[in-house]
PDB file of N, CA and C in Angstrom:
ATOM      1  N   MET A   1     105.268 104.154  88.600  1.00  0.00           N
ATOM      2  CA  MET A   1     106.174 105.229  88.253  1.00  0.00           C
ATOM      3  C   MET A   1     105.610 105.960  87.043  1.00  0.00           C
ATOM      4  N   VAL A   2     105.471 107.236  87.157  1.00  0.00           N
ATOM      5  CA  VAL A   2     104.988 108.069  86.068  1.00  0.00           C
ATOM      6  C   VAL A   2     106.192 108.706  85.391  1.00  0.00           C
ATOM      7  N   GLY A   3     106.256 108.629  84.066  1.00  0.00           N
ATOM      8  CA  GLY A   3     107.376 109.240  83.357  1.00  0.00           C
ATOM      9  C   GLY A   3     108.571 108.311  83.280  1.00  0.00           C
ATOM     10  N   ASN A   4     109.720 108.890  83.054  1.00  0.00           N
ATOM     11  CA  ASN A   4     110.965 108.157  82.895  1.00  0.00           C
ATOM     12  C   ASN A   4     111.466 107.653  84.248  1.00  0.00           C
ATOM     13  N   MET A   5     111.705 106.355  84.363  1.00  0.00           N
ATOM     14  CA  MET A   5     112.145 105.762  85.629  1.00  0.00           C
ATOM     15  C   MET A   5     113.499 106.322  86.058  1.00  0.00           C
ATOM     16  N   GLU A   6     114.400 106.527  85.102  1.00  0.00           N
ATOM     17  CA  GLU A   6     115.727 107.052  85.436  1.00  0.00           C
ATOM     18  C   GLU A   6     115.633 108.457  86.023  1.00  0.00           C
ATOM     19  N   SER A   7     114.804 109.317  85.440  1.00  0.00           N
ATOM     20  CA  SER A   7     114.669 110.673  85.981  1.00  0.00           C
ATOM     21  C   SER A   7     114.012 110.630  87.360  1.00  0.00           C
ATOM     22  N   GLY A   8     113.111 109.697  87.569  1.00  0.00           N
ATOM     23  CA  GLY A   8     112.501 109.541  88.893  1.00  0.00           C
ATOM     24  C   GLY A   8     113.523 109.140  89.936  1.00  0.00           C
ATOM     25  N   ARG A   9     114.402 108.224  89.577  1.00  0.00           N
ATOM     26  CA  ARG A   9     115.460 107.804  90.513  1.00  0.00           C
ATOM     27  C   ARG A   9     116.396 108.967  90.815  1.00  0.00           C
ATOM     28  N   ARG A  10     116.699 109.754  89.795  1.00  0.00           N
ATOM     29  CA  ARG A  10     117.575 110.918  90.012  1.00  0.00           C
ATOM     30  C   ARG A  10     116.916 111.928  90.957  1.00  0.00           C
ATOM     31  N   GLU A  11     115.623 112.167  90.762  1.00  0.00           N
ATOM     32  CA  GLU A  11     114.894 113.092  91.642  1.00  0.00           C
ATOM     33  C   GLU A  11     114.882 112.570  93.074  1.00  0.00           C
ATOM     34  N   LEU A  12     114.638 111.277  93.237  1.00  0.00           N
ATOM     35  CA  LEU A  12     114.613 110.663  94.563  1.00  0.00           C
ATOM     36  C   LEU A  12     115.978 110.754  95.231  1.00  0.00           C
ATOM     37  N   ALA A  13     117.030 110.463  94.474  1.00  0.00           N
ATOM     38  CA  ALA A  13     118.392 110.551  95.013  1.00  0.00           C
ATOM     39  C   ALA A  13     118.764 111.996  95.334  1.00  0.00           C
ATOM     40  N   GLY A  14     118.377 112.925  94.473  1.00  0.00           N
ATOM     41  CA  GLY A  14     118.667 114.337  94.717  1.00  0.00           C
ATOM     42  C   GLY A  14     117.991 114.852  95.969  1.00  0.00           C
ATOM     43  N   LEU A  15     116.752 114.428  96.190  1.00  0.00           N
ATOM     44  CA  LEU A  15     116.048 114.830  97.407  1.00  0.00           C
ATOM     45  C   LEU A  15     116.729 114.243  98.634  1.00  0.00           C
ATOM     46  N   GLY A  16     117.154 113.003  98.532  1.00  0.00           N
ATOM     47  CA  GLY A  16     117.889 112.387  99.651  1.00  0.00           C
ATOM     48  C   GLY A  16     119.153 113.160  99.984  1.00  0.00           C
ATOM     49  N   ASP A  17     119.892 113.562  98.963  1.00  0.00           N
ATOM     50  CA  ASP A  17     121.110 114.357  99.179  1.00  0.00           C
ATOM     51  C   ASP A  17     120.789 115.710  99.812  1.00  0.00           C
ATOM     52  N   ALA A  18     119.735 116.367  99.306  1.00  0.00           N
ATOM     53  CA  ALA A  18     119.343 117.673  99.859  1.00  0.00           C
ATOM     54  C   ALA A  18     118.920 117.542 101.322  1.00  0.00           C
ATOM     55  N   LEU A  19     118.210 116.467 101.649  1.00  0.00           N
ATOM     56  CA  LEU A  19     117.810 116.244 103.044  1.00  0.00           C
ATOM     57  C   LEU A  19     119.027 116.022 103.932  1.00  0.00           C
ATOM     58  N   THR A  20     119.979 115.251 103.451  1.00  0.00           N
ATOM     59  CA  THR A  20     121.197 115.004 104.227  1.00  0.00           C
ATOM     60  C   THR A  20     121.941 116.306 104.495  1.00  0.00           C
ATOM     61  N   MET A  21     122.062 117.143 103.486  1.00  0.00           N
ATOM     62  CA  MET A  21     122.742 118.432 103.659  1.00  0.00           C
ATOM     63  C   MET A  21     121.997 119.305 104.673  1.00  0.00           C
ATOM     64  N   ALA A  22     120.677 119.341 104.574  1.00  0.00           N
ATOM     65  CA  ALA A  22     119.882 120.156 105.498  1.00  0.00           C
ATOM     66  C   ALA A  22     119.982 119.615 106.922  1.00  0.00           C
ATOM     67  N   GLU A  23     119.938 118.294 107.075  1.00  0.00           N
ATOM     68  CA  GLU A  23     120.031 117.687 108.407  1.00  0.00           C
ATOM     69  C   GLU A  23     121.379 117.963 109.060  1.00  0.00           C
ATOM     70  N   ARG A  24     122.409 118.065 108.261  1.00  0.00           N
ATOM     71  CA  ARG A  24     123.752 118.346 108.779  1.00  0.00           C
ATOM     72  C   ARG A  24     124.027 119.834 108.909  1.00  0.00           C
ATOM     73  N   GLY A  25     123.080 120.656 108.482  1.00  0.00           N
ATOM     74  CA  GLY A  25     123.245 122.091 108.566  1.00  0.00           C
ATOM     75  C   GLY A  25     124.229 122.645 107.557  1.00  0.00           C
ATOM     76  N   LEU A  26     124.461 121.915 106.480  1.00  0.00           N
ATOM     77  CA  LEU A  26     125.448 122.322 105.486  1.00  0.00           C
ATOM     78  C   LEU A  26     124.856 123.180 104.380  1.00  0.00           C
ATOM     79  N   ASP A  27     123.558 123.222 104.280  1.00  0.00           N
ATOM     80  CA  ASP A  27     122.928 123.977 103.199  1.00  0.00           C
ATOM     81  C   ASP A  27     121.828 124.840 103.791  1.00  0.00           C
ATOM     82  N   GLY A  28     122.155 126.088 104.091  1.00  0.00           N
ATOM     83  CA  GLY A  28     121.189 126.984 104.703  1.00  0.00           C
ATOM     84  C   GLY A  28     120.118 127.473 103.749  1.00  0.00           C
ATOM     85  N   GLN A  29     120.246 127.190 102.462  1.00  0.00           N
ATOM     86  CA  GLN A  29     119.294 127.681 101.485  1.00  0.00           C
ATOM     87  C   GLN A  29     118.065 126.786 101.356  1.00  0.00           C
ATOM     88  N   GLN A  30     118.125 125.561 101.799  1.00  0.00           N
ATOM     89  CA  GLN A  30     117.014 124.628 101.673  1.00  0.00           C
ATOM     90  C   GLN A  30     116.143 124.681 102.933  1.00  0.00           C
ATOM     91  N   SER A  31     115.047 125.401 102.858  1.00  0.00           N
ATOM     92  CA  SER A  31     114.117 125.459 103.981  1.00  0.00           C
ATOM     93  C   SER A  31     113.265 124.203 103.982  1.00  0.00           C
ATOM     94  N   PRO A  32     112.653 123.877 105.128  1.00  0.00           N
ATOM     95  CA  PRO A  32     111.731 122.743 105.146  1.00  0.00           C
ATOM     96  C   PRO A  32     110.616 122.882 104.108  1.00  0.00           C
ATOM     97  N   ALA A  33     110.148 124.105 103.861  1.00  0.00           N
ATOM     98  CA  ALA A  33     109.096 124.316 102.856  1.00  0.00           C
ATOM     99  C   ALA A  33     109.598 123.957 101.453  1.00  0.00           C
ATOM    100  N   ALA A  34     110.833 124.331 101.129  1.00  0.00           N
ATOM    101  CA  ALA A  34     111.399 124.001  99.816  1.00  0.00           C
ATOM    102  C   ALA A  34     111.608 122.497  99.675  1.00  0.00           C
ATOM    103  N   LEU A  35     112.070 121.858 100.753  1.00  0.00           N
ATOM    104  CA  LEU A  35     112.255 120.410 100.719  1.00  0.00           C
ATOM    105  C   LEU A  35     110.914 119.688 100.611  1.00  0.00           C
ATOM    106  N   MET A  36     109.890 120.231 101.264  1.00  0.00           N
ATOM    107  CA  MET A  36     108.561 119.642 101.171  1.00  0.00           C
ATOM    108  C   MET A  36     108.044 119.737  99.741  1.00  0.00           C
ATOM    109  N   ALA A  37     108.294 120.847  99.081  1.00  0.00           N
ATOM    110  CA  ALA A  37     107.874 121.006  97.688  1.00  0.00           C
ATOM    111  C   ALA A  37     108.567 119.965  96.807  1.00  0.00           C
ATOM    112  N   ARG A  38     109.843 119.717  97.066  1.00  0.00           N
ATOM    113  CA  ARG A  38     110.561 118.680  96.306  1.00  0.00           C
ATOM    114  C   ARG A  38     109.977 117.306  96.580  1.00  0.00           C
ATOM    115  N   LEU A  39     109.631 117.040  97.851  1.00  0.00           N
ATOM    116  CA  LEU A  39     109.027 115.758  98.193  1.00  0.00           C
ATOM    117  C   LEU A  39     107.710 115.564  97.450  1.00  0.00           C
ATOM    118  N   LEU A  40     106.910 116.604  97.356  1.00  0.00           N
ATOM    119  CA  LEU A  40     105.639 116.511  96.641  1.00  0.00           C
ATOM    120  C   LEU A  40     105.860 116.247  95.149  1.00  0.00           C
ATOM    121  N   ARG A  41     106.887 116.877  94.569  1.00  0.00           N
ATOM    122  CA  ARG A  41     107.201 116.618  93.152  1.00  0.00           C
ATOM    123  C   ARG A  41     107.632 115.170  92.951  1.00  0.00           C
ATOM    124  N   VAL A  42     108.458 114.657  93.858  1.00  0.00           N
ATOM    125  CA  VAL A  42     108.902 113.261  93.767  1.00  0.00           C
ATOM    126  C   VAL A  42     107.714 112.322  93.971  1.00  0.00           C
ATOM    127  N   ALA A  43     106.864 112.633  94.931  1.00  0.00           N
ATOM    128  CA  ALA A  43     105.703 111.782  95.206  1.00  0.00           C
ATOM    129  C   ALA A  43     104.782 111.687  93.998  1.00  0.00           C
ATOM    130  N   ARG A  44     104.689 112.777  93.246  1.00  0.00           N
ATOM    131  CA  ARG A  44     103.853 112.771  92.038  1.00  0.00           C
ATOM    132  C   ARG A  44     104.379 111.777  91.011  1.00  0.00           C
ATOM    133  N   LEU A  45     105.685 111.520  91.021  1.00  0.00           N
ATOM    134  CA  LEU A  45     106.275 110.557  90.096  1.00  0.00           C
ATOM    135  C   LEU A  45     105.983 109.115  90.499  1.00  0.00           C
ATOM    136  N   TYR A  46     105.647 108.908  91.755  1.00  0.00           N
ATOM    137  CA  TYR A  46     105.427 107.567  92.294  1.00  0.00           C
ATOM    138  C   TYR A  46     104.033 107.441  92.914  1.00  0.00           C
ATOM    139  N   PRO A  47     102.983 107.553  92.115  1.00  0.00           N
ATOM    140  CA  PRO A  47     101.633 107.556  92.681  1.00  0.00           C
ATOM    141  C   PRO A  47     101.246 106.253  93.381  1.00  0.00           C
ATOM    142  N   LYS A  48     101.805 105.141  92.962  1.00  0.00           N
ATOM    143  CA  LYS A  48     101.480 103.870  93.611  1.00  0.00           C
ATOM    144  C   LYS A  48     102.169 103.731  94.961  1.00  0.00           C
ATOM    145  N   ALA A  49     103.234 104.491  95.181  1.00  0.00           N
ATOM    146  CA  ALA A  49     104.025 104.369  96.398  1.00  0.00           C
ATOM    147  C   ALA A  49     103.527 105.262  97.527  1.00  0.00           C
ATOM    148  N   VAL A  50     102.702 106.239  97.196  1.00  0.00           N
ATOM    149  CA  VAL A  50     102.340 107.239  98.190  1.00  0.00           C
ATOM    150  C   VAL A  50     100.833 107.413  98.259  1.00  0.00           C
ATOM    151  N   ASP A  51     100.331 107.396  99.452  1.00  0.00           N
ATOM    152  CA  ASP A  51      98.922 107.680  99.677  1.00  0.00           C
ATOM    153  C   ASP A  51      98.760 109.186  99.830  1.00  0.00           C
ATOM    154  N   GLU A  52      97.727 109.751  99.215  1.00  0.00           N
ATOM    155  CA  GLU A  52      97.526 111.201  99.280  1.00  0.00           C
ATOM    156  C   GLU A  52      97.363 111.696 100.711  1.00  0.00           C
ATOM    157  N   THR A  53      96.734 110.902 101.562  1.00  0.00           N
ATOM    158  CA  THR A  53      96.535 111.351 102.941  1.00  0.00           C
ATOM    159  C   THR A  53      97.864 111.512 103.668  1.00  0.00           C
ATOM    160  N   LEU A  54      98.837 110.655 103.344  1.00  0.00           N
ATOM    161  CA  LEU A  54     100.165 110.796 103.946  1.00  0.00           C
ATOM    162  C   LEU A  54     100.796 112.124 103.545  1.00  0.00           C
ATOM    163  N   MET A  55     100.701 112.465 102.265  1.00  0.00           N
ATOM    164  CA  MET A  55     101.286 113.722 101.800  1.00  0.00           C
ATOM    165  C   MET A  55     100.577 114.926 102.420  1.00  0.00           C
ATOM    166  N   TRP A  56      99.261 114.861 102.565  1.00  0.00           N
ATOM    167  CA  TRP A  56      98.538 115.971 103.214  1.00  0.00           C
ATOM    168  C   TRP A  56      98.981 116.129 104.657  1.00  0.00           C
ATOM    169  N   GLN A  57      99.140 115.020 105.355  1.00  0.00           N
ATOM    170  CA  GLN A  57      99.558 115.093 106.758  1.00  0.00           C
ATOM    171  C   GLN A  57     100.970 115.675 106.873  1.00  0.00           C
ATOM    172  N   ILE A  58     101.886 115.210 106.028  1.00  0.00           N
ATOM    173  CA  ILE A  58     103.254 115.735 106.057  1.00  0.00           C
ATOM    174  C   ILE A  58     103.261 117.220 105.717  1.00  0.00           C
ATOM    175  N   THR A  59     102.502 117.605 104.696  1.00  0.00           N
ATOM    176  CA  THR A  59     102.437 119.010 104.294  1.00  0.00           C
ATOM    177  C   THR A  59     101.903 119.883 105.421  1.00  0.00           C
ATOM    178  N   ASP A  60     100.864 119.434 106.103  1.00  0.00           N
ATOM    179  CA  ASP A  60     100.316 120.194 107.223  1.00  0.00           C
ATOM    180  C   ASP A  60     101.329 120.376 108.338  1.00  0.00           C
ATOM    181  N   LEU A  61     102.073 119.325 108.653  1.00  0.00           N
ATOM    182  CA  LEU A  61     103.091 119.428 109.701  1.00  0.00           C
ATOM    183  C   LEU A  61     104.201 120.394 109.318  1.00  0.00           C
ATOM    184  N   VAL A  62     104.658 120.312 108.076  1.00  0.00           N
ATOM    185  CA  VAL A  62     105.763 121.166 107.635  1.00  0.00           C
ATOM    186  C   VAL A  62     105.316 122.623 107.515  1.00  0.00           C
ATOM    187  N   ALA A  63     104.080 122.843 107.104  1.00  0.00           N
ATOM    188  CA  ALA A  63     103.579 124.213 106.939  1.00  0.00           C
ATOM    189  C   ALA A  63     103.254 124.875 108.273  1.00  0.00           C
ATOM    190  N   GLY A  64     103.000 124.082 109.286  1.00  0.00           N
ATOM    191  CA  GLY A  64     102.626 124.640 110.581  1.00  0.00           C
ATOM    192  C   GLY A  64     103.792 125.267 111.322  1.00  0.00           C
ATOM    193  N   ARG A  65     103.449 125.992 112.355  1.00  0.00           N
ATOM    194  CA  ARG A  65     104.478 126.653 113.169  1.00  0.00           C
ATOM    195  C   ARG A  65     104.630 126.006 114.531  1.00  0.00           C
ATOM    196  N   ASP A  66     104.002 124.850 114.702  1.00  0.00           N
ATOM    197  CA  ASP A  66     103.991 124.198 116.007  1.00  0.00           C
ATOM    198  C   ASP A  66     105.238 123.370 116.285  1.00  0.00           C
ATOM    199  N   ILE A  67     105.983 123.007 115.247  1.00  0.00           N
ATOM    200  CA  ILE A  67     107.147 122.156 115.448  1.00  0.00           C
ATOM    201  C   ILE A  67     108.395 122.828 114.868  1.00  0.00           C
ATOM    202  N   ALA A  68     109.539 122.435 115.389  1.00  0.00           N
ATOM    203  CA  ALA A  68     110.823 123.016 114.971  1.00  0.00           C
ATOM    204  C   ALA A  68     111.213 122.517 113.585  1.00  0.00           C
ATOM    205  N   ASP A  69     112.066 123.285 112.911  1.00  0.00           N
ATOM    206  CA  ASP A  69     112.529 122.914 111.578  1.00  0.00           C
ATOM    207  C   ASP A  69     113.231 121.557 111.581  1.00  0.00           C
ATOM    208  N   SER A  70     113.959 121.243 112.654  1.00  0.00           N
ATOM    209  CA  SER A  70     114.661 119.956 112.702  1.00  0.00           C
ATOM    210  C   SER A  70     113.662 118.794 112.680  1.00  0.00           C
ATOM    211  N   PHE A  71     112.519 118.953 113.337  1.00  0.00           N
ATOM    212  CA  PHE A  71     111.496 117.908 113.305  1.00  0.00           C
ATOM    213  C   PHE A  71     110.822 117.856 111.937  1.00  0.00           C
ATOM    214  N   LYS A  72     110.666 119.013 111.300  1.00  0.00           N
ATOM    215  CA  LYS A  72     110.088 119.048 109.952  1.00  0.00           C
ATOM    216  C   LYS A  72     110.960 118.258 108.987  1.00  0.00           C
ATOM    217  N   LEU A  73     112.278 118.362 109.138  1.00  0.00           N
ATOM    218  CA  LEU A  73     113.184 117.583 108.293  1.00  0.00           C
ATOM    219  C   LEU A  73     113.000 116.090 108.520  1.00  0.00           C
ATOM    220  N   VAL A  74     112.769 115.698 109.754  1.00  0.00           N
ATOM    221  CA  VAL A  74     112.534 114.285 110.072  1.00  0.00           C
ATOM    222  C   VAL A  74     111.267 113.790 109.382  1.00  0.00           C
ATOM    223  N   VAL A  75     110.223 114.593 109.419  1.00  0.00           N
ATOM    224  CA  VAL A  75     108.951 114.225 108.790  1.00  0.00           C
ATOM    225  C   VAL A  75     109.126 114.093 107.278  1.00  0.00           C
ATOM    226  N   ILE A  76     109.851 115.033 106.664  1.00  0.00           N
ATOM    227  CA  ILE A  76     110.099 114.968 105.227  1.00  0.00           C
ATOM    228  C   ILE A  76     110.936 113.732 104.898  1.00  0.00           C
ATOM    229  N   ARG A  77     111.934 113.438 105.725  1.00  0.00           N
ATOM    230  CA  ARG A  77     112.774 112.251 105.516  1.00  0.00           C
ATOM    231  C   ARG A  77     111.923 110.984 105.575  1.00  0.00           C
ATOM    232  N   MET A  78     110.954 110.930 106.458  1.00  0.00           N
ATOM    233  CA  MET A  78     110.077 109.757 106.546  1.00  0.00           C
ATOM    234  C   MET A  78     109.260 109.598 105.271  1.00  0.00           C
ATOM    235  N   GLY A  79     108.768 110.691 104.716  1.00  0.00           N
ATOM    236  CA  GLY A  79     108.038 110.622 103.451  1.00  0.00           C
ATOM    237  C   GLY A  79     108.926 110.136 102.324  1.00  0.00           C
ATOM    238  N   TRP A  80     110.148 110.651 102.274  1.00  0.00           N
ATOM    239  CA  TRP A  80     111.127 110.236 101.270  1.00  0.00           C
ATOM    240  C   TRP A  80     111.418 108.747 101.408  1.00  0.00           C
ATOM    241  N   ALA A  81     111.615 108.295 102.648  1.00  0.00           N
ATOM    242  CA  ALA A  81     111.935 106.885 102.894  1.00  0.00           C
ATOM    243  C   ALA A  81     110.784 105.967 102.509  1.00  0.00           C
ATOM    244  N   SER A  82     109.551 106.412 102.679  1.00  0.00           N
ATOM    245  CA  SER A  82     108.418 105.562 102.313  1.00  0.00           C
ATOM    246  C   SER A  82     108.360 105.373 100.792  1.00  0.00           C
ATOM    247  N   ILE A  83     108.673 106.410 100.037  1.00  0.00           N
ATOM    248  CA  ILE A  83     108.721 106.283  98.574  1.00  0.00           C
ATOM    249  C   ILE A  83     109.857 105.353  98.172  1.00  0.00           C
ATOM    250  N   LEU A  84     111.023 105.529  98.773  1.00  0.00           N
ATOM    251  CA  LEU A  84     112.178 104.700  98.468  1.00  0.00           C
ATOM    252  C   LEU A  84     111.891 103.235  98.773  1.00  0.00           C
ATOM    253  N   GLN A  85     111.264 102.972  99.907  1.00  0.00           N
ATOM    254  CA  GLN A  85     110.943 101.599 100.292  1.00  0.00           C
ATOM    255  C   GLN A  85     109.962 100.964  99.309  1.00  0.00           C
ATOM    256  N   ALA A  86     108.956 101.703  98.896  1.00  0.00           N
ATOM    257  CA  ALA A  86     107.981 101.172  97.937  1.00  0.00           C
ATOM    258  C   ALA A  86     108.642 100.866  96.599  1.00  0.00           C
ATOM    259  N   GLU A  87     109.540 101.739  96.143  1.00  0.00           N
ATOM    260  CA  GLU A  87     110.248 101.499  94.895  1.00  0.00           C
ATOM    261  C   GLU A  87     111.180 100.298  95.015  1.00  0.00           C
ATOM    262  N   PHE A  88     111.820 100.144  96.169  1.00  0.00           N
ATOM    263  CA  PHE A  88     112.695  98.993  96.388  1.00  0.00           C
ATOM    264  C   PHE A  88     111.891  97.700  96.301  1.00  0.00           C
ATOM    265  N   LYS A  89     110.720  97.681  96.935  1.00  0.00           N
ATOM    266  CA  LYS A  89     109.882  96.488  96.892  1.00  0.00           C
ATOM    267  C   LYS A  89     109.397  96.189  95.480  1.00  0.00           C
ATOM    268  N   ALA A  90     109.126  97.225  94.706  1.00  0.00           N
ATOM    269  CA  ALA A  90     108.598  97.039  93.354  1.00  0.00           C
ATOM    270  C   ALA A  90     109.675  96.706  92.329  1.00  0.00           C
ATOM    271  N   HIS A  91     110.849  97.314  92.460  1.00  0.00           N
ATOM    272  CA  HIS A  91     111.853  97.196  91.401  1.00  0.00           C
ATOM    273  C   HIS A  91     113.235  96.777  91.872  1.00  0.00           C
ATOM    274  N   GLY A  92     113.460  96.630  93.145  1.00  0.00           N
ATOM    275  CA  GLY A  92     114.785  96.299  93.639  1.00  0.00           C
ATOM    276  C   GLY A  92     115.641  97.545  93.761  1.00  0.00           C
ATOM    277  N   LEU A  93     116.826  97.370  94.264  1.00  0.00           N
ATOM    278  CA  LEU A  93     117.746  98.484  94.479  1.00  0.00           C
ATOM    279  C   LEU A  93     118.599  98.687  93.238  1.00  0.00           C
ATOM    280  N   GLN A  94     118.539  99.905  92.682  1.00  0.00           N
ATOM    281  CA  GLN A  94     119.339 100.244  91.516  1.00  0.00           C
ATOM    282  C   GLN A  94     119.938 101.625  91.713  1.00  0.00           C
ATOM    283  N   VAL A  95     121.165 101.782  91.311  1.00  0.00           N
ATOM    284  CA  VAL A  95     121.850 103.053  91.456  1.00  0.00           C
ATOM    285  C   VAL A  95     121.380 104.000  90.357  1.00  0.00           C
ATOM    286  N   ALA A  96     121.040 105.216  90.728  1.00  0.00           N
ATOM    287  CA  ALA A  96     120.628 106.216  89.739  1.00  0.00           C
ATOM    288  C   ALA A  96     121.817 106.609  88.886  1.00  0.00           C
ATOM    289  N   GLY A  97     121.610 106.704  87.583  1.00  0.00           N
ATOM    290  CA  GLY A  97     122.662 107.128  86.673  1.00  0.00           C
ATOM    291  C   GLY A  97     123.540 105.998  86.168  1.00  0.00           C
ATOM    292  N   CYS A  98     123.296 104.770  86.630  1.00  0.00           N
ATOM    293  CA  CYS A  98     124.081 103.628  86.158  1.00  0.00           C
ATOM    294  C   CYS A  98     123.199 102.731  85.306  1.00  0.00           C
ATOM    295  N   PRO A  99     123.771 102.120  84.301  1.00  0.00           N
ATOM    296  CA  PRO A  99     122.971 101.202  83.493  1.00  0.00           C
ATOM    297  C   PRO A  99     122.510 100.021  84.340  1.00  0.00           C
ATOM    298  N   LYS A 100     121.357  99.522  84.000  1.00  0.00           N
ATOM    299  CA  LYS A 100     120.794  98.398  84.747  1.00  0.00           C
ATOM    300  C   LYS A 100     121.658  97.164  84.531  1.00  0.00           C
ATOM    301  N   ILE A 101     121.994  96.502  85.616  1.00  0.00           N
ATOM    302  CA  ILE A 101     122.802  95.289  85.557  1.00  0.00           C
ATOM    303  C   ILE A 101     121.847  94.109  85.535  1.00  0.00           C
ATOM    304  N   HIS A 102     122.001  93.264  84.551  1.00  0.00           N
ATOM    305  CA  HIS A 102     121.133  92.107  84.434  1.00  0.00           C
ATOM    306  C   HIS A 102     121.540  91.049  85.447  1.00  0.00           C
ATOM    307  N   ARG A 103     120.569  90.379  86.014  1.00  0.00           N
ATOM    308  CA  ARG A 103     120.840  89.385  87.057  1.00  0.00           C
ATOM    309  C   ARG A 103     121.691  88.236  86.535  1.00  0.00           C
ATOM    310  N   HIS A 104     121.555  87.916  85.271  1.00  0.00           N
ATOM    311  CA  HIS A 104     122.242  86.763  84.725  1.00  0.00           C
ATOM    312  C   HIS A 104     123.550  87.137  84.025  1.00  0.00           C
ATOM    313  N   ALA A 105     123.992  88.367  84.202  1.00  0.00           N
ATOM    314  CA  ALA A 105     125.244  88.794  83.557  1.00  0.00           C
ATOM    315  C   ALA A 105     126.419  88.080  84.209  1.00  0.00           C
ATOM    316  N   ARG A 106     127.391  87.751  83.411  1.00  0.00           N
ATOM    317  CA  ARG A 106     128.564  87.044  83.920  1.00  0.00           C
ATOM    318  C   ARG A 106     129.792  87.936  83.796  1.00  0.00           C
ATOM    319  N   ALA A 107     130.669  87.806  84.743  1.00  0.00           N
ATOM    320  CA  ALA A 107     131.934  88.550  84.682  1.00  0.00           C
ATOM    321  C   ALA A 107     132.844  87.906  83.652  1.00  0.00           C
ATOM    322  N   ALA A 108     133.602  88.714  82.945  1.00  0.00           N
ATOM    323  CA  ALA A 108     134.505  88.174  81.911  1.00  0.00           C
ATOM    324  C   ALA A 108     135.751  87.617  82.523  1.00  0.00           C
TER     325      ALA A 108
END
């Protein structure tokens, strides 16, 4: 993770929300190209989680005119999910914006 881990989690969560809105057709302002740009920004924060060749392949698919926008969203979602999975394996599941809960914390 490059930079602040909390801001990285927020960026990852924000991209997930934007993808969900686009997939449901609720946000007409987010084009696949704009979502791809966000994915690339998030990927830059997680260099250990993403192989450059994967990002080039996703970028080529999204930039091309051979596939429909709905499929482009699927490809972007797969890139997002690969980053999320790598972070989960490295650091576990943590909610963005919440203080880290220690494993040994006890309820009062």
